Amino acid sequence: MIRAVMFVRGQVQGVGFRWWTRARALELGLVGHARNTPDGRVEVVAQGSEEAVARLETLLRETPSRHRRPGRVDSVVVQHGMPRDGVSGFIER
Protein backbone atom coordinates (compact mmCIF):
# COMPACT_ATOMS: atom_id res chain seq x y z
CA MET A 1 0.00 0.00 0.00
CA ILE A 2 1.21 3.49 -0.86
CA ARG A 3 -0.12 7.03 -0.68
CA ALA A 4 0.38 9.70 -3.32
CA VAL A 5 -0.58 13.36 -3.31
CA MET A 6 -0.86 14.61 -6.89
CA PHE A 7 -1.20 18.30 -7.73
CA VAL A 8 -2.75 18.68 -11.17
CA ARG A 9 -2.36 22.00 -13.01
CA GLY A 10 -4.22 23.09 -16.12
CA GLN A 11 -7.86 23.64 -16.96
CA VAL A 12 -9.08 21.28 -14.23
CA GLN A 13 -11.64 23.25 -12.21
CA GLY A 14 -15.29 23.59 -13.22
CA VAL A 15 -15.09 20.97 -15.99
CA GLY A 16 -15.96 17.68 -14.20
CA PHE A 17 -12.34 16.75 -13.57
CA ARG A 18 -12.82 15.81 -9.88
CA TRP A 19 -15.85 13.67 -10.72
CA TRP A 20 -13.92 11.88 -13.49
CA THR A 21 -10.94 11.36 -11.16
CA ARG A 22 -13.20 9.91 -8.45
CA ALA A 23 -14.76 7.48 -10.93
CA ARG A 24 -11.35 6.26 -12.13
CA ALA A 25 -10.02 5.96 -8.55
CA LEU A 26 -13.02 3.86 -7.49
CA GLU A 27 -12.58 1.61 -10.54
CA LEU A 28 -8.97 1.07 -9.44
CA GLY A 29 -9.94 0.32 -5.83
CA LEU A 30 -8.28 3.44 -4.43
CA VAL A 31 -9.32 5.52 -1.42
CA GLY A 32 -8.75 9.25 -0.92
CA HIS A 33 -10.11 12.48 -2.33
CA ALA A 34 -9.93 15.10 -5.06
CA ARG A 35 -10.34 18.77 -4.17
CA ASN A 36 -9.94 22.16 -5.79
CA THR A 37 -7.17 24.37 -4.42
CA PRO A 38 -7.36 28.18 -4.28
CA ASP A 39 -4.61 28.53 -6.91
CA GLY A 40 -6.59 26.67 -9.60
CA ARG A 41 -5.05 23.22 -9.23
CA VAL A 42 -6.75 20.00 -8.17
CA GLU A 43 -5.18 18.03 -5.32
CA VAL A 44 -5.68 14.27 -5.71
CA VAL A 45 -4.82 12.09 -2.71
CA ALA A 46 -4.86 8.38 -3.53
CA GLN A 47 -4.05 5.35 -1.40
CA GLY A 48 -3.91 1.76 -2.54
CA SER A 49 -1.69 -0.69 -4.33
CA GLU A 50 1.39 0.71 -6.01
CA GLU A 51 0.07 -0.48 -9.38
CA ALA A 52 -3.34 1.20 -8.94
CA VAL A 53 -1.85 4.51 -7.81
CA ALA A 54 0.59 4.43 -10.74
CA ARG A 55 -2.30 3.73 -13.14
CA LEU A 56 -4.26 6.71 -11.81
CA GLU A 57 -1.20 8.93 -12.25
CA THR A 58 -0.85 7.67 -15.83
CA LEU A 59 -4.51 8.46 -16.53
CA LEU A 60 -4.09 11.96 -15.09
CA ARG A 61 -0.98 12.62 -17.23
CA GLU A 62 -2.23 11.01 -20.47
CA THR A 63 -2.12 13.56 -23.29
CA PRO A 64 -4.25 13.46 -25.25
CA SER A 65 -6.59 11.54 -22.99
CA ARG A 66 -7.94 8.35 -24.53
CA HIS A 67 -10.31 8.00 -21.57
CA ARG A 68 -12.44 11.14 -22.03
CA ARG A 69 -10.77 13.03 -19.20
CA PRO A 70 -12.39 16.47 -19.00
CA GLY A 71 -10.38 19.68 -19.11
CA ARG A 72 -6.71 20.00 -19.92
CA VAL A 73 -3.78 18.82 -17.80
CA ASP A 74 -0.57 20.82 -18.13
CA SER A 75 1.42 19.17 -15.34
CA VAL A 76 1.19 16.70 -12.46
CA VAL A 77 3.49 16.94 -9.43
CA VAL A 78 3.51 13.85 -7.21
CA GLN A 79 4.57 13.43 -3.59
CA HIS A 80 4.70 9.86 -2.25
CA GLY A 81 4.23 8.94 1.38
CA MET A 82 3.06 6.33 3.82
CA PRO A 83 -0.64 5.40 3.78
CA ARG A 84 -2.83 6.79 6.54
CA ASP A 85 -5.17 4.71 8.67
CA GLY A 86 -8.90 5.29 8.66
CA VAL A 87 -9.27 6.47 5.06
CA SER A 88 -12.21 4.92 3.23
CA GLY A 89 -13.98 5.67 -0.03
CA PHE A 90 -12.96 8.29 -2.54
CA ILE A 91 -14.69 11.64 -2.29
CA GLU A 92 -14.82 14.97 -4.05
CA ARG A 93 -14.19 17.85 -1.69
C-alpha atoms as a PDB file:
ATOM      1  CA  MET A   1       0.000   0.000   0.000  1.00  0.00           C
ATOM      2  CA  ILE A   2       1.209   3.490  -0.864  1.00  0.00           C
ATOM      3  CA  ARG A   3      -0.122   7.032  -0.683  1.00  0.00           C
ATOM      4  CA  ALA A   4       0.380   9.700  -3.322  1.00  0.00           C
ATOM      5  CA  VAL A   5      -0.581  13.358  -3.313  1.00  0.00           C
ATOM      6  CA  MET A   6      -0.859  14.608  -6.889  1.00  0.00           C
ATOM      7  CA  PHE A   7      -1.197  18.296  -7.727  1.00  0.00           C
ATOM      8  CA  VAL A   8      -2.748  18.677 -11.171  1.00  0.00           C
ATOM      9  CA  ARG A   9      -2.358  21.995 -13.006  1.00  0.00           C
ATOM     10  CA  GLY A  10      -4.220  23.087 -16.117  1.00  0.00           C
ATOM     11  CA  GLN A  11      -7.864  23.636 -16.962  1.00  0.00           C
ATOM     12  CA  VAL A  12      -9.084  21.280 -14.232  1.00  0.00           C
ATOM     13  CA  GLN A  13     -11.643  23.248 -12.214  1.00  0.00           C
ATOM     14  CA  GLY A  14     -15.291  23.587 -13.222  1.00  0.00           C
ATOM     15  CA  VAL A  15     -15.091  20.970 -15.988  1.00  0.00           C
ATOM     16  CA  GLY A  16     -15.965  17.684 -14.199  1.00  0.00           C
ATOM     17  CA  PHE A  17     -12.342  16.748 -13.571  1.00  0.00           C
ATOM     18  CA  ARG A  18     -12.825  15.806  -9.884  1.00  0.00           C
ATOM     19  CA  TRP A  19     -15.855  13.665 -10.717  1.00  0.00           C
ATOM     20  CA  TRP A  20     -13.922  11.879 -13.486  1.00  0.00           C
ATOM     21  CA  THR A  21     -10.938  11.357 -11.159  1.00  0.00           C
ATOM     22  CA  ARG A  22     -13.201   9.912  -8.447  1.00  0.00           C
ATOM     23  CA  ALA A  23     -14.760   7.477 -10.927  1.00  0.00           C
ATOM     24  CA  ARG A  24     -11.346   6.258 -12.133  1.00  0.00           C
ATOM     25  CA  ALA A  25     -10.025   5.960  -8.554  1.00  0.00           C
ATOM     26  CA  LEU A  26     -13.020   3.861  -7.487  1.00  0.00           C
ATOM     27  CA  GLU A  27     -12.579   1.608 -10.538  1.00  0.00           C
ATOM     28  CA  LEU A  28      -8.970   1.075  -9.443  1.00  0.00           C
ATOM     29  CA  GLY A  29      -9.938   0.321  -5.829  1.00  0.00           C
ATOM     30  CA  LEU A  30      -8.281   3.442  -4.426  1.00  0.00           C
ATOM     31  CA  VAL A  31      -9.315   5.523  -1.421  1.00  0.00           C
ATOM     32  CA  GLY A  32      -8.747   9.246  -0.918  1.00  0.00           C
ATOM     33  CA  HIS A  33     -10.113  12.485  -2.330  1.00  0.00           C
ATOM     34  CA  ALA A  34      -9.930  15.101  -5.064  1.00  0.00           C
ATOM     35  CA  ARG A  35     -10.338  18.765  -4.175  1.00  0.00           C
ATOM     36  CA  ASN A  36      -9.936  22.156  -5.789  1.00  0.00           C
ATOM     37  CA  THR A  37      -7.171  24.371  -4.423  1.00  0.00           C
ATOM     38  CA  PRO A  38      -7.362  28.177  -4.276  1.00  0.00           C
ATOM     39  CA  ASP A  39      -4.605  28.533  -6.906  1.00  0.00           C
ATOM     40  CA  GLY A  40      -6.588  26.672  -9.602  1.00  0.00           C
ATOM     41  CA  ARG A  41      -5.054  23.222  -9.232  1.00  0.00           C
ATOM     42  CA  VAL A  42      -6.748  20.002  -8.167  1.00  0.00           C
ATOM     43  CA  GLU A  43      -5.185  18.026  -5.318  1.00  0.00           C
ATOM     44  CA  VAL A  44      -5.677  14.270  -5.707  1.00  0.00           C
ATOM     45  CA  VAL A  45      -4.823  12.091  -2.709  1.00  0.00           C
ATOM     46  CA  ALA A  46      -4.857   8.379  -3.528  1.00  0.00           C
ATOM     47  CA  GLN A  47      -4.051   5.352  -1.398  1.00  0.00           C
ATOM     48  CA  GLY A  48      -3.914   1.757  -2.535  1.00  0.00           C
ATOM     49  CA  SER A  49      -1.690  -0.687  -4.326  1.00  0.00           C
ATOM     50  CA  GLU A  50       1.391   0.709  -6.005  1.00  0.00           C
ATOM     51  CA  GLU A  51       0.070  -0.481  -9.376  1.00  0.00           C
ATOM     52  CA  ALA A  52      -3.339   1.196  -8.944  1.00  0.00           C
ATOM     53  CA  VAL A  53      -1.846   4.513  -7.813  1.00  0.00           C
ATOM     54  CA  ALA A  54       0.592   4.432 -10.739  1.00  0.00           C
ATOM     55  CA  ARG A  55      -2.303   3.733 -13.139  1.00  0.00           C
ATOM     56  CA  LEU A  56      -4.264   6.711 -11.814  1.00  0.00           C
ATOM     57  CA  GLU A  57      -1.204   8.926 -12.248  1.00  0.00           C
ATOM     58  CA  THR A  58      -0.849   7.673 -15.831  1.00  0.00           C
ATOM     59  CA  LEU A  59      -4.510   8.463 -16.528  1.00  0.00           C
ATOM     60  CA  LEU A  60      -4.086  11.963 -15.087  1.00  0.00           C
ATOM     61  CA  ARG A  61      -0.978  12.617 -17.230  1.00  0.00           C
ATOM     62  CA  GLU A  62      -2.229  11.013 -20.466  1.00  0.00           C
ATOM     63  CA  THR A  63      -2.119  13.563 -23.291  1.00  0.00           C
ATOM     64  CA  PRO A  64      -4.245  13.458 -25.252  1.00  0.00           C
ATOM     65  CA  SER A  65      -6.594  11.545 -22.988  1.00  0.00           C
ATOM     66  CA  ARG A  66      -7.939   8.353 -24.531  1.00  0.00           C
ATOM     67  CA  HIS A  67     -10.311   8.002 -21.565  1.00  0.00           C
ATOM     68  CA  ARG A  68     -12.438  11.140 -22.029  1.00  0.00           C
ATOM     69  CA  ARG A  69     -10.769  13.033 -19.203  1.00  0.00           C
ATOM     70  CA  PRO A  70     -12.388  16.471 -19.003  1.00  0.00           C
ATOM     71  CA  GLY A  71     -10.383  19.684 -19.107  1.00  0.00           C
ATOM     72  CA  ARG A  72      -6.705  19.999 -19.916  1.00  0.00           C
ATOM     73  CA  VAL A  73      -3.778  18.817 -17.798  1.00  0.00           C
ATOM     74  CA  ASP A  74      -0.569  20.819 -18.131  1.00  0.00           C
ATOM     75  CA  SER A  75       1.421  19.167 -15.336  1.00  0.00           C
ATOM     76  CA  VAL A  76       1.188  16.701 -12.459  1.00  0.00           C
ATOM     77  CA  VAL A  77       3.491  16.937  -9.434  1.00  0.00           C
ATOM     78  CA  VAL A  78       3.509  13.845  -7.211  1.00  0.00           C
ATOM     79  CA  GLN A  79       4.572  13.431  -3.592  1.00  0.00           C
ATOM     80  CA  HIS A  80       4.703   9.861  -2.254  1.00  0.00           C
ATOM     81  CA  GLY A  81       4.226   8.942   1.380  1.00  0.00           C
ATOM     82  CA  MET A  82       3.057   6.332   3.824  1.00  0.00           C
ATOM     83  CA  PRO A  83      -0.642   5.398   3.775  1.00  0.00           C
ATOM     84  CA  ARG A  84      -2.829   6.794   6.544  1.00  0.00           C
ATOM     85  CA  ASP A  85      -5.170   4.713   8.667  1.00  0.00           C
ATOM     86  CA  GLY A  86      -8.904   5.289   8.664  1.00  0.00           C
ATOM     87  CA  VAL A  87      -9.269   6.468   5.057  1.00  0.00           C
ATOM     88  CA  SER A  88     -12.212   4.917   3.231  1.00  0.00           C
ATOM     89  CA  GLY A  89     -13.984   5.666  -0.030  1.00  0.00           C
ATOM     90  CA  PHE A  90     -12.957   8.294  -2.544  1.00  0.00           C
ATOM     91  CA  ILE A  91     -14.689  11.641  -2.295  1.00  0.00           C
ATOM     92  CA  GLU A  92     -14.822  14.972  -4.053  1.00  0.00           C
ATOM     93  CA  ARG A  93     -14.186  17.851  -1.686  1.00  0.00           C
END
